[in-house]
Amino acid sequence: MVEARIFSGQENPADAFALREAVFTKEQGFADPDTDALDPVSTHVVLYVDGKPAATGRIYRDEQDKQTFHIGRLCVLKELRGLHLGQQALEALEQEAIRQGAKRLALGAQLYAIPFYQKSGYLPSGEQYLDEFCMHEMLYKTV
């Protein structure tokens, strides 16, 4: 059974941080810890499979354009990939962003992940940037 839970960044969503550490830090080699100043102002979604944390992501409102929300830190535990949990987490994040007033969604995707986001209607912008050692591209979706 899959259950999605939504956490305010003020709630210190430990399960979200543990998932991000497992995927981004331990598996992919990004800097530890994988937390930043956006976490306290973000809304976090954690998917639980049979009561255990399996996938996560976050949204936050753009400071300049209040109708744009950024999606980030989307990840799924390696052993649970292929179960469409990433898609479910993305949909939960989108729904929460829309509930909070989003008209546009933005995200920075690792280049290999762009096709995943395109299946959900995100359009690549051509704006590429290096995050640590990994190339990313900005993608956008109007909702």
Foldseek 3Di string as FASTA:
>chain_A
DKDKDKDALCVVPVLLQVQLCQPVCVPVNDDPPPDDPCSNQWMKMFMDDVNHTFWMKIWHADPVDRQEIEIDSTDGRPVPPPVCVSVVRVVVRVVVSVVVRHQKYKYKAFVVCVVVVVVVPWDWDPDWDDDPHTITTMTMHGD
